[in-house]
Amino acid sequence: MFDPITIGACLTTASTAFAGLKKAFQAGRDIESMTGDLSRWMSAVSDIEQKEKSAKNPPIFRKVFGSVEQEALEAFAAKKKLEEQRYELKTFIQFSHGHKAWDELIAMEGKIRKARQEQLYRQQEIKERIIEGIFIFLLVCTIIGFGWLIWYLKSIQE
């Protein structure tokens, strides 16, 4: 699910990948040799953006049992950190490979985000909807059961 621990894990993954990218740029390596780090960074960015969207419109069970405000703050802080990393990455790429390389990278990021959305995020949304449905079902059963118990106790007293 989307919780602050997962947001922190995504930010750690992004920061680790970014540190590897930064070292590679400083060592003068080309983009082709950094695809693993770029892919991990882009995936983590995509995950954090998805978590931010989820924090803005959480399912009922997370509103009741989770800390939506903390989750939103974690996502916001992570997003700001990633914006700094994106700007620095953009600067590195544009200075070392030109503006066209940055545009190609953005196009690649869009493809990765779309693929992740089709695979992972839809599965997570379905899971959340199932859990939400179970939560609502149990809540309704509890309310009906409590009402029946009150009716039963009243009928015994009469």
C-alpha atoms as a PDB file:
ATOM      1  CA  MET A   1       0.000   0.000   0.000  1.00  0.00           C
ATOM      2  CA  PHE A   2       0.985   3.622  -0.051  1.00  0.00           C
ATOM      3  CA  ASP A   3       2.388   4.603   3.274  1.00  0.00           C
ATOM      4  CA  PRO A   4       5.190   6.878   4.495  1.00  0.00           C
ATOM      5  CA  ILE A   5       7.600   3.938   4.811  1.00  0.00           C
ATOM      6  CA  THR A   6       7.134   3.094   1.142  1.00  0.00           C
ATOM      7  CA  ILE A   7       7.527   6.742   0.160  1.00  0.00           C
ATOM      8  CA  GLY A   8      10.758   6.844   2.156  1.00  0.00           C
ATOM      9  CA  ALA A   9      11.959   3.657   0.472  1.00  0.00           C
ATOM     10  CA  CYS A  10      11.224   5.140  -2.960  1.00  0.00           C
ATOM     11  CA  LEU A  11      13.065   8.331  -2.060  1.00  0.00           C
ATOM     12  CA  THR A  12      16.045   6.306  -0.820  1.00  0.00           C
ATOM     13  CA  THR A  13      16.084   4.339  -4.084  1.00  0.00           C
ATOM     14  CA  ALA A  14      15.891   7.550  -6.114  1.00  0.00           C
ATOM     15  CA  SER A  15      18.632   9.233  -4.072  1.00  0.00           C
ATOM     16  CA  THR A  16      20.935   6.220  -4.328  1.00  0.00           C
ATOM     17  CA  ALA A  17      20.421   6.007  -8.092  1.00  0.00           C
ATOM     18  CA  PHE A  18      20.917   9.766  -8.397  1.00  0.00           C
ATOM     19  CA  ALA A  19      24.179   9.592  -6.436  1.00  0.00           C
ATOM     20  CA  GLY A  20      25.385   6.913  -8.873  1.00  0.00           C
ATOM     21  CA  LEU A  21      24.362   9.084 -11.829  1.00  0.00           C
ATOM     22  CA  LYS A  22      26.120  12.107 -10.375  1.00  0.00           C
ATOM     23  CA  LYS A  23      29.357  10.151  -9.872  1.00  0.00           C
ATOM     24  CA  ALA A  24      29.110   8.748 -13.394  1.00  0.00           C
ATOM     25  CA  PHE A  25      28.649  12.231 -14.896  1.00  0.00           C
ATOM     26  CA  GLN A  26      31.588  13.557 -12.893  1.00  0.00           C
ATOM     27  CA  ALA A  27      33.695  10.663 -14.149  1.00  0.00           C
ATOM     28  CA  GLY A  28      32.714  11.531 -17.720  1.00  0.00           C
ATOM     29  CA  ARG A  29      30.776   8.361 -18.495  1.00  0.00           C
ATOM     30  CA  ASP A  30      28.201   8.373 -21.276  1.00  0.00           C
ATOM     31  CA  ILE A  31      24.451   8.022 -20.759  1.00  0.00           C
ATOM     32  CA  GLU A  32      24.355   4.526 -22.266  1.00  0.00           C
ATOM     33  CA  SER A  33      26.474   3.186 -19.407  1.00  0.00           C
ATOM     34  CA  MET A  34      24.117   4.723 -16.831  1.00  0.00           C
ATOM     35  CA  THR A  35      20.841   3.197 -17.995  1.00  0.00           C
ATOM     36  CA  GLY A  36      20.418   1.062 -14.858  1.00  0.00           C
ATOM     37  CA  ASP A  37      20.698   4.050 -12.533  1.00  0.00           C
ATOM     38  CA  LEU A  38      18.514   6.175 -14.808  1.00  0.00           C
ATOM     39  CA  SER A  39      15.848   3.494 -14.920  1.00  0.00           C
ATOM     40  CA  ARG A  40      15.851   3.041 -11.122  1.00  0.00           C
ATOM     41  CA  TRP A  41      15.671   6.807 -10.593  1.00  0.00           C
ATOM     42  CA  MET A  42      12.802   7.216 -13.075  1.00  0.00           C
ATOM     43  CA  SER A  43      10.885   4.303 -11.566  1.00  0.00           C
ATOM     44  CA  ALA A  44      11.244   5.757  -8.069  1.00  0.00           C
ATOM     45  CA  VAL A  45      10.112   9.180  -9.333  1.00  0.00           C
ATOM     46  CA  SER A  46       7.080   7.581 -10.943  1.00  0.00           C
ATOM     47  CA  ASP A  47       6.252   5.672  -7.755  1.00  0.00           C
ATOM     48  CA  ILE A  48       6.473   8.795  -5.604  1.00  0.00           C
ATOM     49  CA  GLU A  49       4.256  10.754  -7.989  1.00  0.00           C
ATOM     50  CA  GLN A  50       1.708   7.935  -7.874  1.00  0.00           C
ATOM     51  CA  LYS A  51       1.875   7.888  -4.073  1.00  0.00           C
ATOM     52  CA  GLU A  52       1.291  11.642  -4.004  1.00  0.00           C
ATOM     53  CA  LYS A  53      -1.822  11.207  -6.177  1.00  0.00           C
ATOM     54  CA  SER A  54      -3.011   8.437  -3.889  1.00  0.00           C
ATOM     55  CA  ALA A  55      -2.436  10.580  -0.785  1.00  0.00           C
ATOM     56  CA  LYS A  56      -4.630  13.320  -2.263  1.00  0.00           C
ATOM     57  CA  ASN A  57      -7.562  10.931  -2.722  1.00  0.00           C
ATOM     58  CA  PRO A  58      -7.132   8.035  -0.259  1.00  0.00           C
ATOM     59  CA  PRO A  59      -9.610   5.176   0.067  1.00  0.00           C
ATOM     60  CA  ILE A  60     -11.947   5.105   3.068  1.00  0.00           C
ATOM     61  CA  PHE A  61     -10.007   2.508   5.061  1.00  0.00           C
ATOM     62  CA  ARG A  62      -6.825   4.603   4.868  1.00  0.00           C
ATOM     63  CA  LYS A  63      -8.750   7.679   5.977  1.00  0.00           C
ATOM     64  CA  VAL A  64      -9.982   5.774   9.016  1.00  0.00           C
ATOM     65  CA  PHE A  65      -6.889   3.748   9.953  1.00  0.00           C
ATOM     66  CA  GLY A  66      -4.019   5.678   8.382  1.00  0.00           C
ATOM     67  CA  SER A  67      -2.388   9.037   8.749  1.00  0.00           C
ATOM     68  CA  VAL A  68      -3.346  10.682   5.480  1.00  0.00           C
ATOM     69  CA  GLU A  69      -1.796  14.006   6.500  1.00  0.00           C
ATOM     70  CA  GLN A  70       1.569  12.420   7.293  1.00  0.00           C
ATOM     71  CA  GLU A  71       1.473  10.514   4.023  1.00  0.00           C
ATOM     72  CA  ALA A  72       0.741  13.702   2.080  1.00  0.00           C
ATOM     73  CA  LEU A  73       3.594  15.554   3.820  1.00  0.00           C
ATOM     74  CA  GLU A  74       6.008  12.687   3.135  1.00  0.00           C
ATOM     75  CA  ALA A  75       5.002  12.661  -0.537  1.00  0.00           C
ATOM     76  CA  PHE A  76       5.351  16.441  -0.781  1.00  0.00           C
ATOM     77  CA  ALA A  77       8.834  16.426   0.781  1.00  0.00           C
ATOM     78  CA  ALA A  78       9.921  13.555  -1.458  1.00  0.00           C
ATOM     79  CA  LYS A  79       8.583  15.336  -4.532  1.00  0.00           C
ATOM     80  CA  LYS A  80      10.535  18.508  -3.681  1.00  0.00           C
ATOM     81  CA  LYS A  81      13.729  16.492  -3.239  1.00  0.00           C
ATOM     82  CA  LEU A  82      13.148  14.819  -6.599  1.00  0.00           C
ATOM     83  CA  GLU A  83      12.577  18.194  -8.274  1.00  0.00           C
ATOM     84  CA  GLU A  84      16.044  19.250  -7.095  1.00  0.00           C
ATOM     85  CA  GLN A  85      17.525  16.022  -8.415  1.00  0.00           C
ATOM     86  CA  ARG A  86      15.696  16.409 -11.735  1.00  0.00           C
ATOM     87  CA  TYR A  87      17.043  19.936 -12.189  1.00  0.00           C
ATOM     88  CA  GLU A  88      20.587  18.819 -11.415  1.00  0.00           C
ATOM     89  CA  LEU A  89      20.251  15.806 -13.725  1.00  0.00           C
ATOM     90  CA  LYS A  90      18.877  18.033 -16.483  1.00  0.00           C
ATOM     91  CA  THR A  91      21.839  20.376 -16.085  1.00  0.00           C
ATOM     92  CA  PHE A  92      24.351  17.498 -16.241  1.00  0.00           C
ATOM     93  CA  ILE A  93      22.751  15.983 -19.333  1.00  0.00           C
ATOM     94  CA  GLN A  94      22.305  19.248 -21.210  1.00  0.00           C
ATOM     95  CA  PHE A  95      25.892  20.342 -20.565  1.00  0.00           C
ATOM     96  CA  SER A  96      27.424  16.996 -21.429  1.00  0.00           C
ATOM     97  CA  HIS A  97      25.102  15.748 -24.202  1.00  0.00           C
ATOM     98  CA  GLY A  98      22.986  18.704 -25.327  1.00  0.00           C
ATOM     99  CA  HIS A  99      19.327  19.639 -25.141  1.00  0.00           C
ATOM    100  CA  LYS A 100      18.216  16.833 -27.443  1.00  0.00           C
ATOM    101  CA  ALA A 101      19.537  14.212 -25.014  1.00  0.00           C
ATOM    102  CA  TRP A 102      17.356  15.666 -22.252  1.00  0.00           C
ATOM    103  CA  ASP A 103      14.297  15.547 -24.524  1.00  0.00           C
ATOM    104  CA  GLU A 104      15.040  11.902 -25.345  1.00  0.00           C
ATOM    105  CA  LEU A 105      15.380  11.132 -21.654  1.00  0.00           C
ATOM    106  CA  ILE A 106      12.027  12.757 -20.903  1.00  0.00           C
ATOM    107  CA  ALA A 107      10.420  10.676 -23.657  1.00  0.00           C
ATOM    108  CA  MET A 108      11.957   7.526 -22.162  1.00  0.00           C
ATOM    109  CA  GLU A 109      10.671   8.528 -18.718  1.00  0.00           C
ATOM    110  CA  GLY A 110       7.161   8.884 -20.136  1.00  0.00           C
ATOM    111  CA  LYS A 111       7.330   5.373 -21.566  1.00  0.00           C
ATOM    112  CA  ILE A 112       8.531   3.946 -18.248  1.00  0.00           C
ATOM    113  CA  ARG A 113       5.795   5.777 -16.343  1.00  0.00           C
ATOM    114  CA  LYS A 114       3.119   4.551 -18.750  1.00  0.00           C
ATOM    115  CA  ALA A 115       4.316   0.948 -18.488  1.00  0.00           C
ATOM    116  CA  ARG A 116       4.401   1.136 -14.673  1.00  0.00           C
ATOM    117  CA  GLN A 117       0.948   2.672 -14.633  1.00  0.00           C
ATOM    118  CA  GLU A 118      -0.460  -0.112 -16.779  1.00  0.00           C
ATOM    119  CA  GLN A 119       1.137  -2.839 -14.681  1.00  0.00           C
ATOM    120  CA  LEU A 120       1.760  -1.926 -11.080  1.00  0.00           C
ATOM    121  CA  TYR A 121      -0.495   0.992 -10.306  1.00  0.00           C
ATOM    122  CA  ARG A 122      -3.633  -0.622 -11.682  1.00  0.00           C
ATOM    123  CA  GLN A 123      -2.953  -3.740  -9.621  1.00  0.00           C
ATOM    124  CA  GLN A 124      -2.495  -1.586  -6.524  1.00  0.00           C
ATOM    125  CA  GLU A 125      -5.712   0.319  -7.240  1.00  0.00           C
ATOM    126  CA  ILE A 126      -7.613  -2.956  -7.632  1.00  0.00           C
ATOM    127  CA  LYS A 127      -6.158  -4.220  -4.346  1.00  0.00           C
ATOM    128  CA  GLU A 128      -7.166  -1.013  -2.585  1.00  0.00           C
ATOM    129  CA  ARG A 129     -10.689  -1.219  -3.995  1.00  0.00           C
ATOM    130  CA  ILE A 130     -11.023  -4.832  -2.837  1.00  0.00           C
ATOM    131  CA  ILE A 131      -9.796  -3.920   0.649  1.00  0.00           C
ATOM    132  CA  GLU A 132     -12.123  -0.926   0.704  1.00  0.00           C
ATOM    133  CA  GLY A 133     -15.042  -3.154  -0.316  1.00  0.00           C
ATOM    134  CA  ILE A 134     -14.205  -5.675   2.408  1.00  0.00           C
ATOM    135  CA  PHE A 135     -13.909  -2.840   4.935  1.00  0.00           C
ATOM    136  CA  ILE A 136     -17.315  -1.438   3.968  1.00  0.00           C
ATOM    137  CA  PHE A 137     -18.870  -4.925   4.029  1.00  0.00           C
ATOM    138  CA  LEU A 138     -17.500  -5.607   7.524  1.00  0.00           C
ATOM    139  CA  LEU A 139     -18.635  -2.199   8.729  1.00  0.00           C
ATOM    140  CA  VAL A 140     -22.162  -2.779   7.413  1.00  0.00           C
ATOM    141  CA  CYS A 141     -22.227  -6.280   8.952  1.00  0.00           C
ATOM    142  CA  THR A 142     -21.074  -4.865  12.289  1.00  0.00           C
ATOM    143  CA  ILE A 143     -23.759  -2.181  12.254  1.00  0.00           C
ATOM    144  CA  ILE A 144     -26.467  -4.699  11.303  1.00  0.00           C
ATOM    145  CA  GLY A 145     -25.181  -7.149  13.918  1.00  0.00           C
ATOM    146  CA  PHE A 146     -25.188  -4.458  16.599  1.00  0.00           C
ATOM    147  CA  GLY A 147     -28.716  -3.431  15.624  1.00  0.00           C
ATOM    148  CA  TRP A 148     -29.849  -7.044  15.742  1.00  0.00           C
ATOM    149  CA  LEU A 149     -28.203  -7.487  19.167  1.00  0.00           C
ATOM    150  CA  ILE A 150     -30.025  -4.446  20.543  1.00  0.00           C
ATOM    151  CA  TRP A 151     -33.329  -5.723  19.117  1.00  0.00           C
ATOM    152  CA  TYR A 152     -32.674  -9.181  20.590  1.00  0.00           C
ATOM    153  CA  LEU A 153     -31.827  -7.824  24.028  1.00  0.00           C
ATOM    154  CA  LYS A 154     -34.974  -5.665  24.013  1.00  0.00           C
ATOM    155  CA  SER A 155     -37.130  -8.635  22.993  1.00  0.00           C
ATOM    156  CA  ILE A 156     -35.723 -10.731  25.865  1.00  0.00           C
ATOM    157  CA  GLN A 157     -36.573  -8.012  28.404  1.00  0.00           C
ATOM    158  CA  GLU A 158     -40.203  -7.799  27.270  1.00  0.00           C
END
